[in-house]
Amino acid sequence: DASTHGATCPSSNMIPNESEDCLFLNVY
């Protein structure tokens, strides 16, 4: 199930779903 976004890469933004396991892409 790839219908939701994966984790974002850690940054100063401190996004709640960040993780070092962040290499996701999105296709439209």
PDB file of all heavy atoms in Angstrom:
ATOM      1  N   ASP A   1       0.855  -1.186   0.000  1.00  0.00           N
ATOM      2  CA  ASP A   1       0.000   0.000   0.000  1.00  0.00           C
ATOM      3  C   ASP A   1       0.892   1.236   0.000  1.00  0.00           C
ATOM      4  O   ASP A   1       1.546   1.550   0.994  1.00  0.00           O
ATOM      5  CB  ASP A   1      -0.905   0.003   1.237  1.00  0.00           C
ATOM      6  CG  ASP A   1      -1.857   1.200   1.245  1.00  0.00           C
ATOM      7  OD1 ASP A   1      -1.726   2.077   0.354  1.00  0.00           O
ATOM      8  OD2 ASP A   1      -2.718   1.248   2.132  1.00  0.00           O
ATOM      9  N   ALA A   2       0.941   1.926  -1.118  1.00  0.00           N
ATOM     10  CA  ALA A   2       1.784   3.116  -1.257  1.00  0.00           C
ATOM     11  C   ALA A   2       0.926   4.370  -1.451  1.00  0.00           C
ATOM     12  O   ALA A   2       1.316   5.306  -2.139  1.00  0.00           O
ATOM     13  CB  ALA A   2       2.740   2.949  -2.435  1.00  0.00           C
ATOM     14  N   SER A   3      -0.258   4.375  -0.835  1.00  0.00           N
ATOM     15  CA  SER A   3      -1.207   5.471  -1.064  1.00  0.00           C
ATOM     16  C   SER A   3      -0.963   6.673  -0.155  1.00  0.00           C
ATOM     17  O   SER A   3      -1.642   7.689  -0.280  1.00  0.00           O
ATOM     18  CB  SER A   3      -2.641   4.961  -0.873  1.00  0.00           C
ATOM     19  OG  SER A   3      -2.797   4.434   0.428  1.00  0.00           O
ATOM     20  N   THR A   4      -0.008   6.568   0.786  1.00  0.00           N
ATOM     21  CA  THR A   4       0.325   7.710   1.644  1.00  0.00           C
ATOM     22  C   THR A   4       1.801   8.019   1.501  1.00  0.00           C
ATOM     23  O   THR A   4       2.603   7.176   1.089  1.00  0.00           O
ATOM     24  CB  THR A   4       0.000   7.415   3.120  1.00  0.00           C
ATOM     25  OG1 THR A   4       0.724   6.244   3.525  1.00  0.00           O
ATOM     26  CG2 THR A   4      -1.489   7.188   3.323  1.00  0.00           C
ATOM     27  N   HIS A   5       2.161   9.250   1.875  1.00  0.00           N
ATOM     28  CA  HIS A   5       3.567   9.660   1.772  1.00  0.00           C
ATOM     29  C   HIS A   5       4.444   8.884   2.744  1.00  0.00           C
ATOM     30  O   HIS A   5       4.021   8.562   3.859  1.00  0.00           O
ATOM     31  CB  HIS A   5       3.708  11.152   2.085  1.00  0.00           C
ATOM     32  CG  HIS A   5       3.188  12.039   0.995  1.00  0.00           C
ATOM     33  ND1 HIS A   5       3.758  12.082  -0.256  1.00  0.00           N
ATOM     34  CD2 HIS A   5       2.166  12.924   0.969  1.00  0.00           C
ATOM     35  CE1 HIS A   5       3.105  12.950  -1.004  1.00  0.00           C
ATOM     36  NE2 HIS A   5       2.127  13.470  -0.291  1.00  0.00           N
ATOM     37  N   GLY A   6       5.675   8.606   2.331  1.00  0.00           N
ATOM     38  CA  GLY A   6       6.663   8.048   3.238  1.00  0.00           C
ATOM     39  C   GLY A   6       7.274   9.143   4.097  1.00  0.00           C
ATOM     40  O   GLY A   6       6.911  10.323   3.994  1.00  0.00           O
ATOM     41  N   ALA A   7       8.216   8.774   4.948  1.00  0.00           N
ATOM     42  CA  ALA A   7       8.864   9.737   5.839  1.00  0.00           C
ATOM     43  C   ALA A   7       9.661  10.766   5.048  1.00  0.00           C
ATOM     44  O   ALA A   7      10.173  10.482   3.958  1.00  0.00           O
ATOM     45  CB  ALA A   7       9.777   9.001   6.817  1.00  0.00           C
ATOM     46  N   THR A   8       9.774  11.971   5.598  1.00  0.00           N
ATOM     47  CA  THR A   8      10.623  12.998   5.009  1.00  0.00           C
ATOM     48  C   THR A   8      12.019  12.901   5.623  1.00  0.00           C
ATOM     49  O   THR A   8      12.206  12.354   6.701  1.00  0.00           O
ATOM     50  CB  THR A   8      10.049  14.401   5.253  1.00  0.00           C
ATOM     51  OG1 THR A   8       9.944  14.620   6.667  1.00  0.00           O
ATOM     52  CG2 THR A   8       8.678  14.553   4.634  1.00  0.00           C
ATOM     53  N   CYS A   9      13.008  13.444   4.921  1.00  0.00           N
ATOM     54  CA  CYS A   9      14.384  13.379   5.415  1.00  0.00           C
ATOM     55  C   CYS A   9      14.596  14.408   6.524  1.00  0.00           C
ATOM     56  O   CYS A   9      14.068  15.526   6.455  1.00  0.00           O
ATOM     57  CB  CYS A   9      15.355  13.626   4.270  1.00  0.00           C
ATOM     58  SG  CYS A   9      15.339  12.323   3.013  1.00  0.00           S
ATOM     59  N   PRO A  10      15.354  14.057   7.563  1.00  0.00           N
ATOM     60  CA  PRO A  10      15.576  14.971   8.690  1.00  0.00           C
ATOM     61  C   PRO A  10      16.158  16.303   8.241  1.00  0.00           C
ATOM     62  O   PRO A  10      17.037  16.361   7.380  1.00  0.00           O
ATOM     63  CB  PRO A  10      16.576  14.205   9.565  1.00  0.00           C
ATOM     64  CG  PRO A  10      16.323  12.779   9.257  1.00  0.00           C
ATOM     65  CD  PRO A  10      15.992  12.748   7.784  1.00  0.00           C
ATOM     66  N   SER A  11      15.629  17.375   8.849  1.00  0.00           N
ATOM     67  CA  SER A  11      16.101  18.720   8.531  1.00  0.00           C
ATOM     68  C   SER A  11      15.744  19.634   9.679  1.00  0.00           C
ATOM     69  O   SER A  11      15.100  19.233  10.647  1.00  0.00           O
ATOM     70  CB  SER A  11      15.434  19.232   7.241  1.00  0.00           C
ATOM     71  OG  SER A  11      14.060  19.502   7.466  1.00  0.00           O
ATOM     72  N   SER A  12      16.137  20.889   9.553  1.00  0.00           N
ATOM     73  CA  SER A  12      15.802  21.879  10.580  1.00  0.00           C
ATOM     74  C   SER A  12      14.307  22.151  10.637  1.00  0.00           C
ATOM     75  O   SER A  12      13.824  22.771  11.586  1.00  0.00           O
ATOM     76  CB  SER A  12      16.558  23.185  10.310  1.00  0.00           C
ATOM     77  OG  SER A  12      16.282  23.657   8.998  1.00  0.00           O
ATOM     78  N   ASN A  13      13.553  21.699   9.624  1.00  0.00           N
ATOM     79  CA  ASN A  13      12.097  21.877   9.633  1.00  0.00           C
ATOM     80  C   ASN A  13      11.429  21.081  10.742  1.00  0.00           C
ATOM     81  O   ASN A  13      10.321  21.396  11.168  1.00  0.00           O
ATOM     82  CB  ASN A  13      11.495  21.422   8.295  1.00  0.00           C
ATOM     83  CG  ASN A  13      11.957  22.265   7.134  1.00  0.00           C
ATOM     84  OD1 ASN A  13      12.405  23.385   7.324  1.00  0.00           O
ATOM     85  ND2 ASN A  13      11.886  21.722   5.942  1.00  0.00           N
ATOM     86  N   MET A  14      12.094  20.003  11.190  1.00  0.00           N
ATOM     87  CA  MET A  14      11.569  19.125  12.248  1.00  0.00           C
ATOM     88  C   MET A  14      10.141  18.672  11.939  1.00  0.00           C
ATOM     89  O   MET A  14       9.217  18.840  12.725  1.00  0.00           O
ATOM     90  CB  MET A  14      11.635  19.813  13.616  1.00  0.00           C
ATOM     91  CG  MET A  14      13.054  20.058  14.089  1.00  0.00           C
ATOM     92  SD  MET A  14      13.181  20.811  15.718  1.00  0.00           S
ATOM     93  CE  MET A  14      12.561  22.456  15.385  1.00  0.00           C
ATOM     94  N   ILE A  15       9.957  18.093  10.771  1.00  0.00           N
ATOM     95  CA  ILE A  15       8.645  17.590  10.356  1.00  0.00           C
ATOM     96  C   ILE A  15       8.338  16.316  11.146  1.00  0.00           C
ATOM     97  O   ILE A  15       9.213  15.460  11.322  1.00  0.00           O
ATOM     98  CB  ILE A  15       8.653  17.339   8.846  1.00  0.00           C
ATOM     99  CG1 ILE A  15       8.895  18.677   8.116  1.00  0.00           C
ATOM    100  CG2 ILE A  15       7.356  16.714   8.370  1.00  0.00           C
ATOM    101  CD1 ILE A  15       9.131  18.549   6.645  1.00  0.00           C
ATOM    102  N   PRO A  16       7.114  16.168  11.649  1.00  0.00           N
ATOM    103  CA  PRO A  16       6.797  15.053  12.549  1.00  0.00           C
ATOM    104  C   PRO A  16       7.115  13.668  12.002  1.00  0.00           C
ATOM    105  O   PRO A  16       7.493  12.769  12.744  1.00  0.00           O
ATOM    106  CB  PRO A  16       5.292  15.215  12.795  1.00  0.00           C
ATOM    107  CG  PRO A  16       5.033  16.673  12.600  1.00  0.00           C
ATOM    108  CD  PRO A  16       5.980  17.110  11.515  1.00  0.00           C
ATOM    109  N   ASN A  17       6.966  13.466  10.687  1.00  0.00           N
ATOM    110  CA  ASN A  17       7.164  12.110  10.153  1.00  0.00           C
ATOM    111  C   ASN A  17       8.562  11.904   9.577  1.00  0.00           C
ATOM    112  O   ASN A  17       8.776  11.037   8.741  1.00  0.00           O
ATOM    113  CB  ASN A  17       6.112  11.797   9.080  1.00  0.00           C
ATOM    114  CG  ASN A  17       6.355  12.583   7.797  1.00  0.00           C
ATOM    115  OD1 ASN A  17       6.843  13.711   7.844  1.00  0.00           O
ATOM    116  ND2 ASN A  17       6.013  12.003   6.665  1.00  0.00           N
ATOM    117  N   GLU A  18       9.555  12.688  10.038  1.00  0.00           N
ATOM    118  CA  GLU A  18      10.890  12.554   9.477  1.00  0.00           C
ATOM    119  C   GLU A  18      11.589  11.296  10.007  1.00  0.00           C
ATOM    120  O   GLU A  18      11.311  10.805  11.100  1.00  0.00           O
ATOM    121  CB  GLU A  18      11.740  13.789   9.793  1.00  0.00           C
ATOM    122  CG  GLU A  18      12.103  13.951  11.250  1.00  0.00           C
ATOM    123  CD  GLU A  18      12.907  15.221  11.519  1.00  0.00           C
ATOM    124  OE1 GLU A  18      12.919  16.111  10.646  1.00  0.00           O
ATOM    125  OE2 GLU A  18      13.519  15.308  12.596  1.00  0.00           O
ATOM    126  N   SER A  19      12.509  10.783   9.186  1.00  0.00           N
ATOM    127  CA  SER A  19      13.268   9.588   9.535  1.00  0.00           C
ATOM    128  C   SER A  19      14.467   9.523   8.608  1.00  0.00           C
ATOM    129  O   SER A  19      14.421  10.023   7.482  1.00  0.00           O
ATOM    130  CB  SER A  19      12.413   8.334   9.367  1.00  0.00           C
ATOM    131  OG  SER A  19      13.213   7.156   9.379  1.00  0.00           O
ATOM    132  N   GLU A  20      15.537   8.903   9.082  1.00  0.00           N
ATOM    133  CA  GLU A  20      16.670   8.706   8.181  1.00  0.00           C
ATOM    134  C   GLU A  20      16.334   7.706   7.077  1.00  0.00           C
ATOM    135  O   GLU A  20      17.002   7.668   6.049  1.00  0.00           O
ATOM    136  CB  GLU A  20      17.904   8.262   8.963  1.00  0.00           C
ATOM    137  CG  GLU A  20      18.573   9.413   9.704  1.00  0.00           C
ATOM    138  CD  GLU A  20      19.958   9.050  10.212  1.00  0.00           C
ATOM    139  OE1 GLU A  20      20.916   9.039   9.405  1.00  0.00           O
ATOM    140  OE2 GLU A  20      20.083   8.794  11.428  1.00  0.00           O
ATOM    141  N   ASP A  21      15.309   6.913   7.283  1.00  0.00           N
ATOM    142  CA  ASP A  21      14.804   6.022   6.234  1.00  0.00           C
ATOM    143  C   ASP A  21      13.781   6.817   5.427  1.00  0.00           C
ATOM    144  O   ASP A  21      12.572   6.688   5.617  1.00  0.00           O
ATOM    145  CB  ASP A  21      14.169   4.777   6.872  1.00  0.00           C
ATOM    146  CG  ASP A  21      13.632   3.807   5.831  1.00  0.00           C
ATOM    147  OD1 ASP A  21      13.965   3.960   4.636  1.00  0.00           O
ATOM    148  OD2 ASP A  21      12.873   2.901   6.209  1.00  0.00           O
ATOM    149  N   CYS A  22      14.280   7.664   4.533  1.00  0.00           N
ATOM    150  CA  CYS A  22      13.402   8.684   3.941  1.00  0.00           C
ATOM    151  C   CYS A  22      13.424   8.715   2.420  1.00  0.00           C
ATOM    152  O   CYS A  22      12.854   9.623   1.814  1.00  0.00           O
ATOM    153  CB  CYS A  22      13.799  10.066   4.469  1.00  0.00           C
ATOM    154  SG  CYS A  22      15.504  10.547   4.072  1.00  0.00           S
ATOM    155  N   LEU A  23      14.065   7.756   1.777  1.00  0.00           N
ATOM    156  CA  LEU A  23      14.206   7.839   0.324  1.00  0.00           C
ATOM    157  C   LEU A  23      12.970   7.297  -0.376  1.00  0.00           C
ATOM    158  O   LEU A  23      12.950   6.192  -0.913  1.00  0.00           O
ATOM    159  CB  LEU A  23      15.472   7.113  -0.129  1.00  0.00           C
ATOM    160  CG  LEU A  23      16.769   7.683   0.453  1.00  0.00           C
ATOM    161  CD1 LEU A  23      17.969   6.998  -0.166  1.00  0.00           C
ATOM    162  CD2 LEU A  23      16.859   9.195   0.268  1.00  0.00           C
ATOM    163  N   PHE A  24      11.933   8.117  -0.347  1.00  0.00           N
ATOM    164  CA  PHE A  24      10.657   7.804  -0.991  1.00  0.00           C
ATOM    165  C   PHE A  24      10.435   8.737  -2.176  1.00  0.00           C
ATOM    166  O   PHE A  24      10.907   9.878  -2.175  1.00  0.00           O
ATOM    167  CB  PHE A  24       9.501   7.986  -0.003  1.00  0.00           C
ATOM    168  CG  PHE A  24       9.521   7.011   1.135  1.00  0.00           C
ATOM    169  CD1 PHE A  24      10.156   7.321   2.328  1.00  0.00           C
ATOM    170  CD2 PHE A  24       8.903   5.775   1.021  1.00  0.00           C
ATOM    171  CE1 PHE A  24      10.183   6.424   3.383  1.00  0.00           C
ATOM    172  CE2 PHE A  24       8.919   4.868   2.065  1.00  0.00           C
ATOM    173  CZ  PHE A  24       9.562   5.195   3.259  1.00  0.00           C
ATOM    174  N   LEU A  25       9.722   8.246  -3.174  1.00  0.00           N
ATOM    175  CA  LEU A  25       9.296   9.133  -4.262  1.00  0.00           C
ATOM    176  C   LEU A  25       7.789   9.006  -4.472  1.00  0.00           C
ATOM    177  O   LEU A  25       7.150   8.065  -3.995  1.00  0.00           O
ATOM    178  CB  LEU A  25      10.076   8.861  -5.548  1.00  0.00           C
ATOM    179  CG  LEU A  25      10.201   7.464  -6.145  1.00  0.00           C
ATOM    180  CD1 LEU A  25       8.914   7.040  -6.807  1.00  0.00           C
ATOM    181  CD2 LEU A  25      11.331   7.445  -7.164  1.00  0.00           C
ATOM    182  N   ASN A  26       7.235   9.992  -5.140  1.00  0.00           N
ATOM    183  CA  ASN A  26       5.793  10.089  -5.373  1.00  0.00           C
ATOM    184  C   ASN A  26       5.552  10.179  -6.877  1.00  0.00           C
ATOM    185  O   ASN A  26       6.278  10.888  -7.576  1.00  0.00           O
ATOM    186  CB  ASN A  26       5.218  11.336  -4.689  1.00  0.00           C
ATOM    187  CG  ASN A  26       5.715  11.482  -3.264  1.00  0.00           C
ATOM    188  OD1 ASN A  26       5.427  10.660  -2.403  1.00  0.00           O
ATOM    189  ND2 ASN A  26       6.502  12.533  -3.001  1.00  0.00           N
ATOM    190  N   VAL A  27       4.528   9.470  -7.360  1.00  0.00           N
ATOM    191  CA  VAL A  27       4.221   9.474  -8.790  1.00  0.00           C
ATOM    192  C   VAL A  27       2.806   9.988  -9.000  1.00  0.00           C
ATOM    193  O   VAL A  27       1.869   9.530  -8.350  1.00  0.00           O
ATOM    194  CB  VAL A  27       4.351   8.064  -9.397  1.00  0.00           C
ATOM    195  CG1 VAL A  27       4.076   8.121 -10.904  1.00  0.00           C
ATOM    196  CG2 VAL A  27       5.726   7.477  -9.129  1.00  0.00           C
ATOM    197  N   TYR A  28       2.664  10.944  -9.902  1.00  0.00           N
ATOM    198  CA  TYR A  28       1.353  11.478 -10.306  1.00  0.00           C
ATOM    199  C   TYR A  28       1.166  11.124 -11.776  1.00  0.00           C
ATOM    200  O   TYR A  28       2.007  11.456 -12.613  1.00  0.00           O
ATOM    201  CB  TYR A  28       1.311  12.997 -10.158  1.00  0.00           C
ATOM    202  CG  TYR A  28       1.488  13.502  -8.746  1.00  0.00           C
ATOM    203  CD1 TYR A  28       2.750  13.572  -8.166  1.00  0.00           C
ATOM    204  CD2 TYR A  28       0.389  13.933  -7.994  1.00  0.00           C
ATOM    205  CE1 TYR A  28       2.919  14.043  -6.870  1.00  0.00           C
ATOM    206  CE2 TYR A  28       0.550  14.405  -6.703  1.00  0.00           C
ATOM    207  CZ  TYR A  28       1.817  14.459  -6.148  1.00  0.00           C
ATOM    208  OH  TYR A  28       1.991  14.929  -4.864  1.00  0.00           O
TER     209      TYR A  28
END
